[in-house]
Structures are given as C-alpha cells and as structure tokens.
Amino acid sequence: MAATKAAHYDNISKQLDAKDGGERFIYRLARSRQRQTEDVETFYGVNDEYGQLITDRKKAMKRWCGDFEKISTEEFSHPPIPQLPPTCGSIQPIPWKKPWPR
C-alpha cells in the first residue's frame, strides 16, 4: 500500500513539474478536490408539526414522506370541466394545403 501511494504521489509530482501541462494539471487537481468536498450530502433542516427542527435524517425522511402523502392524496377544488355536445354524423376532413409556396 505504501509503495503504491508513493508511486502515485511521485507521478503527481512529475506531472506538476512538467513544463507543458503542469499548470493545467494543478487546476484540474484543484477542481477534482473541490468536487470531492461537494459530494457530501447536504441536509436541509425540516421542522416537525410543532415547529421544532428535526435533526435525525430518518425522522426528516418520514416527515417528508408524510407531507408528500398528504398533499398527493388531497383533492383541491377546481371549476368543472366544460362538456361539449357530441358530434353528430361523420367528421369532415380538413383540407391540407402548403402554408407557403416553394
């Protein structure tokens, strides 16, 4: 393990010392390190029904699931959908013509 680690850092050192791509490698390395820190899941606070902050992830997930279940099954009032009378007879085809000449 130590030999592999030493070889890895030796390789990085050689890439950083290279004249043609050393500077670009530094920025690429910094960008990858920054992305690694962003991979940590962020936790947004959730309040319970009494307004207290829930810090336990499992309880917060249950709270989210409960809220989603509540809003997804709730029926909201809306105006009635207008109904048109049925079409009697056959439907006439719509004539098609080119919208512009070529």
N, C-alpha and C. Protein backbone atom coordinates (compact mmCIF):
# COMPACT_ATOMS: atom_id res chain seq x y z
N MET A 1 0.82 -1.19 0.00
CA MET A 1 0.00 0.00 0.00
C MET A 1 0.87 1.26 0.00
N ALA A 2 1.90 1.25 0.81
CA ALA A 2 2.77 2.42 0.90
C ALA A 2 3.52 2.65 -0.40
N ALA A 3 3.91 1.56 -1.05
CA ALA A 3 4.64 1.69 -2.32
C ALA A 3 3.73 2.26 -3.40
N THR A 4 2.48 1.82 -3.42
CA THR A 4 1.51 2.32 -4.40
C THR A 4 1.24 3.80 -4.17
N LYS A 5 1.11 4.17 -2.90
CA LYS A 5 0.85 5.56 -2.55
C LYS A 5 2.04 6.44 -2.96
N ALA A 6 3.25 5.96 -2.68
CA ALA A 6 4.45 6.72 -3.04
C ALA A 6 4.57 6.86 -4.55
N ALA A 7 4.24 5.81 -5.28
CA ALA A 7 4.30 5.87 -6.74
C ALA A 7 3.27 6.86 -7.28
N HIS A 8 2.09 6.88 -6.66
CA HIS A 8 1.04 7.80 -7.09
C HIS A 8 1.48 9.25 -6.89
N TYR A 9 2.02 9.55 -5.70
CA TYR A 9 2.45 10.92 -5.43
C TYR A 9 3.67 11.31 -6.26
N ASP A 10 4.52 10.33 -6.58
CA ASP A 10 5.66 10.60 -7.45
C ASP A 10 5.17 10.96 -8.86
N ASN A 11 4.14 10.25 -9.31
CA ASN A 11 3.56 10.53 -10.62
C ASN A 11 2.93 11.93 -10.64
N ILE A 12 2.22 12.28 -9.59
CA ILE A 12 1.61 13.61 -9.50
C ILE A 12 2.70 14.68 -9.49
N SER A 13 3.77 14.43 -8.74
CA SER A 13 4.87 15.39 -8.67
C SER A 13 5.49 15.62 -10.05
N LYS A 14 5.68 14.54 -10.80
CA LYS A 14 6.24 14.67 -12.15
C LYS A 14 5.30 15.45 -13.07
N GLN A 15 4.00 15.21 -12.94
CA GLN A 15 3.05 15.94 -13.78
C GLN A 15 3.02 17.42 -13.44
N LEU A 16 3.16 17.75 -12.15
CA LEU A 16 3.16 19.15 -11.75
C LEU A 16 4.43 19.86 -12.21
N ASP A 17 5.55 19.13 -12.25
CA ASP A 17 6.81 19.74 -12.67
C ASP A 17 6.94 19.86 -14.18
N ALA A 18 6.09 19.20 -14.92
CA ALA A 18 6.18 19.25 -16.38
C ALA A 18 5.90 20.66 -16.88
N LYS A 19 6.67 21.08 -17.88
CA LYS A 19 6.51 22.44 -18.39
C LYS A 19 5.26 22.60 -19.24
N ASP A 20 4.90 21.55 -19.98
CA ASP A 20 3.80 21.69 -20.93
C ASP A 20 2.42 21.63 -20.28
N GLY A 21 2.23 20.84 -19.23
CA GLY A 21 0.88 20.72 -18.70
C GLY A 21 0.78 20.82 -17.19
N GLY A 22 1.83 21.30 -16.55
CA GLY A 22 1.84 21.36 -15.09
C GLY A 22 0.81 22.30 -14.51
N GLU A 23 0.70 23.47 -15.11
CA GLU A 23 -0.25 24.46 -14.59
C GLU A 23 -1.69 24.00 -14.80
N ARG A 24 -1.94 23.42 -15.95
CA ARG A 24 -3.29 22.92 -16.23
C ARG A 24 -3.65 21.77 -15.29
N PHE A 25 -2.65 20.94 -14.97
CA PHE A 25 -2.88 19.82 -14.06
C PHE A 25 -3.21 20.32 -12.66
N ILE A 26 -2.58 21.41 -12.23
CA ILE A 26 -2.89 21.97 -10.90
C ILE A 26 -4.36 22.36 -10.82
N TYR A 27 -4.85 23.04 -11.85
CA TYR A 27 -6.25 23.47 -11.83
C TYR A 27 -7.20 22.28 -11.90
N ARG A 28 -6.82 21.27 -12.68
CA ARG A 28 -7.65 20.07 -12.76
C ARG A 28 -7.68 19.34 -11.42
N LEU A 29 -6.53 19.28 -10.75
CA LEU A 29 -6.46 18.64 -9.44
C LEU A 29 -7.28 19.42 -8.41
N ALA A 30 -7.18 20.74 -8.44
CA ALA A 30 -7.96 21.57 -7.51
C ALA A 30 -9.45 21.42 -7.76
N ARG A 31 -9.84 21.36 -9.03
CA ARG A 31 -11.25 21.20 -9.36
C ARG A 31 -11.78 19.86 -8.88
N SER A 32 -10.98 18.80 -9.04
CA SER A 32 -11.45 17.48 -8.58
C SER A 32 -11.55 17.44 -7.07
N ARG A 33 -10.62 18.09 -6.37
CA ARG A 33 -10.71 18.14 -4.90
C ARG A 33 -11.94 18.91 -4.45
N GLN A 34 -12.25 20.00 -5.16
CA GLN A 34 -13.44 20.78 -4.83
C GLN A 34 -14.69 19.95 -5.03
N ARG A 35 -14.75 19.19 -6.12
CA ARG A 35 -15.92 18.33 -6.37
C ARG A 35 -16.06 17.25 -5.32
N GLN A 36 -14.94 16.74 -4.82
CA GLN A 36 -14.99 15.72 -3.78
C GLN A 36 -15.61 16.27 -2.51
N THR A 37 -15.34 17.53 -2.19
CA THR A 37 -15.95 18.11 -0.99
C THR A 37 -17.43 18.36 -1.20
N GLU A 38 -17.85 18.59 -2.45
CA GLU A 38 -19.27 18.84 -2.72
C GLU A 38 -20.08 17.56 -2.76
N ASP A 39 -19.41 16.40 -2.84
CA ASP A 39 -20.12 15.14 -2.88
C ASP A 39 -20.81 14.81 -1.57
N VAL A 40 -20.41 15.46 -0.49
CA VAL A 40 -21.05 15.22 0.79
C VAL A 40 -22.49 15.68 0.70
N GLU A 41 -23.40 14.82 1.11
CA GLU A 41 -24.81 15.17 1.02
C GLU A 41 -25.13 16.34 1.94
N THR A 42 -25.84 17.29 1.41
CA THR A 42 -26.27 18.40 2.25
C THR A 42 -27.60 18.04 2.88
N PHE A 43 -27.78 18.48 4.08
CA PHE A 43 -29.01 18.18 4.80
C PHE A 43 -29.70 19.50 5.10
N TYR A 44 -30.91 19.62 4.61
CA TYR A 44 -31.69 20.81 4.87
C TYR A 44 -32.60 20.53 6.05
N GLY A 45 -32.66 21.47 6.98
CA GLY A 45 -33.46 21.28 8.17
C GLY A 45 -34.94 21.15 7.86
N VAL A 46 -35.59 20.27 8.59
CA VAL A 46 -37.02 20.05 8.44
C VAL A 46 -37.65 20.25 9.80
N ASN A 47 -38.75 20.96 9.84
CA ASN A 47 -39.45 21.16 11.10
C ASN A 47 -40.57 20.15 11.26
N ASP A 48 -40.82 19.76 12.50
CA ASP A 48 -41.93 18.85 12.74
C ASP A 48 -43.22 19.66 12.84
N GLU A 49 -44.31 18.98 13.18
CA GLU A 49 -45.61 19.66 13.22
C GLU A 49 -45.70 20.72 14.31
N TYR A 50 -44.76 20.70 15.26
CA TYR A 50 -44.75 21.69 16.33
C TYR A 50 -43.74 22.81 16.08
N GLY A 51 -43.06 22.77 14.93
CA GLY A 51 -42.11 23.81 14.58
C GLY A 51 -40.70 23.56 15.09
N GLN A 52 -40.45 22.41 15.69
CA GLN A 52 -39.13 22.07 16.19
C GLN A 52 -38.29 21.46 15.06
N LEU A 53 -37.01 21.80 15.03
CA LEU A 53 -36.11 21.30 13.99
C LEU A 53 -35.84 19.82 14.19
N ILE A 54 -36.02 19.04 13.13
CA ILE A 54 -35.71 17.62 13.17
C ILE A 54 -34.29 17.45 12.65
N THR A 55 -33.42 16.87 13.48
CA THR A 55 -32.03 16.69 13.08
C THR A 55 -31.73 15.26 12.66
N ASP A 56 -32.59 14.33 12.97
CA ASP A 56 -32.39 12.94 12.59
C ASP A 56 -32.85 12.75 11.15
N ARG A 57 -31.99 12.19 10.30
CA ARG A 57 -32.31 12.03 8.88
C ARG A 57 -33.52 11.12 8.65
N LYS A 58 -33.61 10.04 9.42
CA LYS A 58 -34.73 9.12 9.23
C LYS A 58 -36.05 9.77 9.60
N LYS A 59 -36.05 10.54 10.68
CA LYS A 59 -37.28 11.24 11.07
C LYS A 59 -37.64 12.32 10.05
N ALA A 60 -36.62 12.99 9.51
CA ALA A 60 -36.88 14.00 8.49
C ALA A 60 -37.46 13.36 7.23
N MET A 61 -36.94 12.20 6.86
CA MET A 61 -37.45 11.50 5.68
C MET A 61 -38.90 11.07 5.90
N LYS A 62 -39.21 10.60 7.12
CA LYS A 62 -40.59 10.23 7.43
C LYS A 62 -41.50 11.46 7.35
N ARG A 63 -41.00 12.59 7.83
CA ARG A 63 -41.78 13.83 7.77
C ARG A 63 -42.05 14.22 6.32
N TRP A 64 -41.02 14.15 5.46
CA TRP A 64 -41.20 14.46 4.04
C TRP A 64 -42.18 13.51 3.39
N CYS A 65 -42.05 12.22 3.71
CA CYS A 65 -42.96 11.23 3.12
C CYS A 65 -44.40 11.50 3.56
N GLY A 66 -44.58 11.83 4.83
CA GLY A 66 -45.92 12.13 5.33
C GLY A 66 -46.52 13.36 4.67
N ASP A 67 -45.70 14.40 4.53
CA ASP A 67 -46.18 15.62 3.87
C ASP A 67 -46.54 15.35 2.41
N PHE A 68 -45.69 14.59 1.72
CA PHE A 68 -45.96 14.29 0.32
C PHE A 68 -47.22 13.45 0.18
N GLU A 69 -47.38 12.47 1.07
CA GLU A 69 -48.58 11.63 1.04
C GLU A 69 -49.83 12.48 1.26
N LYS A 70 -49.72 13.44 2.16
CA LYS A 70 -50.87 14.31 2.47
C LYS A 70 -51.26 15.18 1.27
N ILE A 71 -50.26 15.79 0.62
CA ILE A 71 -50.60 16.68 -0.49
C ILE A 71 -50.92 15.92 -1.77
N SER A 72 -50.41 14.69 -1.90
CA SER A 72 -50.68 13.95 -3.14
C SER A 72 -52.05 13.29 -3.14
N THR A 73 -52.64 13.11 -1.97
CA THR A 73 -53.96 12.48 -1.90
C THR A 73 -55.07 13.49 -1.65
N GLU A 74 -54.72 14.74 -1.42
CA GLU A 74 -55.71 15.76 -1.12
C GLU A 74 -56.35 16.26 -2.41
N GLU A 75 -57.64 16.36 -2.42
CA GLU A 75 -58.38 16.83 -3.59
C GLU A 75 -58.60 18.34 -3.47
N PHE A 76 -58.18 19.08 -4.47
CA PHE A 76 -58.35 20.52 -4.47
C PHE A 76 -59.59 20.87 -5.29
N SER A 77 -60.28 21.91 -4.85
CA SER A 77 -61.47 22.33 -5.59
C SER A 77 -61.04 23.02 -6.88
N HIS A 78 -61.76 22.75 -7.93
CA HIS A 78 -61.48 23.37 -9.22
C HIS A 78 -62.79 23.52 -9.97
N PRO A 79 -62.84 24.44 -10.93
CA PRO A 79 -64.09 24.61 -11.68
C PRO A 79 -64.38 23.37 -12.51
N PRO A 80 -65.65 23.12 -12.77
CA PRO A 80 -65.98 21.93 -13.56
C PRO A 80 -65.44 22.04 -14.98
N ILE A 81 -65.10 20.91 -15.54
CA ILE A 81 -64.58 20.86 -16.90
C ILE A 81 -65.76 20.98 -17.86
N PRO A 82 -65.71 21.95 -18.79
CA PRO A 82 -66.85 22.12 -19.70
C PRO A 82 -67.00 20.92 -20.64
N GLN A 83 -68.24 20.53 -20.84
CA GLN A 83 -68.54 19.41 -21.74
C GLN A 83 -69.18 19.95 -23.01
N LEU A 84 -68.71 19.51 -24.15
CA LEU A 84 -69.29 19.89 -25.43
C LEU A 84 -70.28 18.82 -25.86
N PRO A 85 -71.30 19.23 -26.61
CA PRO A 85 -72.25 18.21 -27.09
C PRO A 85 -71.54 17.28 -28.07
N PRO A 86 -71.97 16.04 -28.15
CA PRO A 86 -71.31 15.10 -29.06
C PRO A 86 -71.51 15.51 -30.52
N THR A 87 -70.58 15.16 -31.36
CA THR A 87 -70.64 15.46 -32.79
C THR A 87 -71.55 14.44 -33.46
N CYS A 88 -72.53 14.94 -34.20
CA CYS A 88 -73.45 14.05 -34.90
C CYS A 88 -72.97 13.88 -36.34
N GLY A 89 -73.01 12.69 -36.83
CA GLY A 89 -72.61 12.44 -38.22
C GLY A 89 -71.12 12.24 -38.35
N SER A 90 -70.69 12.17 -39.60
CA SER A 90 -69.27 11.94 -39.85
C SER A 90 -68.51 13.25 -39.74
N ILE A 91 -67.27 13.15 -39.40
CA ILE A 91 -66.41 14.32 -39.27
C ILE A 91 -65.80 14.61 -40.62
N GLN A 92 -65.91 15.86 -41.06
CA GLN A 92 -65.39 16.26 -42.36
C GLN A 92 -63.86 16.37 -42.29
N PRO A 93 -63.17 15.89 -43.33
CA PRO A 93 -61.70 16.01 -43.33
C PRO A 93 -61.29 17.46 -43.50
N ILE A 94 -60.18 17.80 -42.90
CA ILE A 94 -59.65 19.15 -43.01
C ILE A 94 -58.77 19.20 -44.25
N PRO A 95 -59.06 20.12 -45.18
CA PRO A 95 -58.22 20.19 -46.39
C PRO A 95 -56.83 20.69 -46.02
N TRP A 96 -55.84 20.08 -46.64
CA TRP A 96 -54.47 20.45 -46.35
C TRP A 96 -53.87 21.15 -47.54
N LYS A 97 -53.26 22.29 -47.28
CA LYS A 97 -52.53 22.96 -48.35
C LYS A 97 -51.25 23.52 -47.76
N LYS A 98 -50.27 23.70 -48.61
CA LYS A 98 -48.97 24.15 -48.15
C LYS A 98 -49.10 25.58 -47.61
N PRO A 99 -48.46 25.86 -46.49
CA PRO A 99 -48.56 27.22 -45.93
C PRO A 99 -47.76 28.25 -46.72
N TRP A 100 -46.80 27.84 -47.51
CA TRP A 100 -46.04 28.78 -48.31
C TRP A 100 -45.60 28.11 -49.61
N PRO A 101 -45.52 28.87 -50.66
CA PRO A 101 -45.07 28.28 -51.94
C PRO A 101 -43.55 28.12 -51.95
N ARG A 102 -43.11 27.12 -52.67
CA ARG A 102 -41.66 26.91 -52.80
C ARG A 102 -41.23 27.08 -54.21
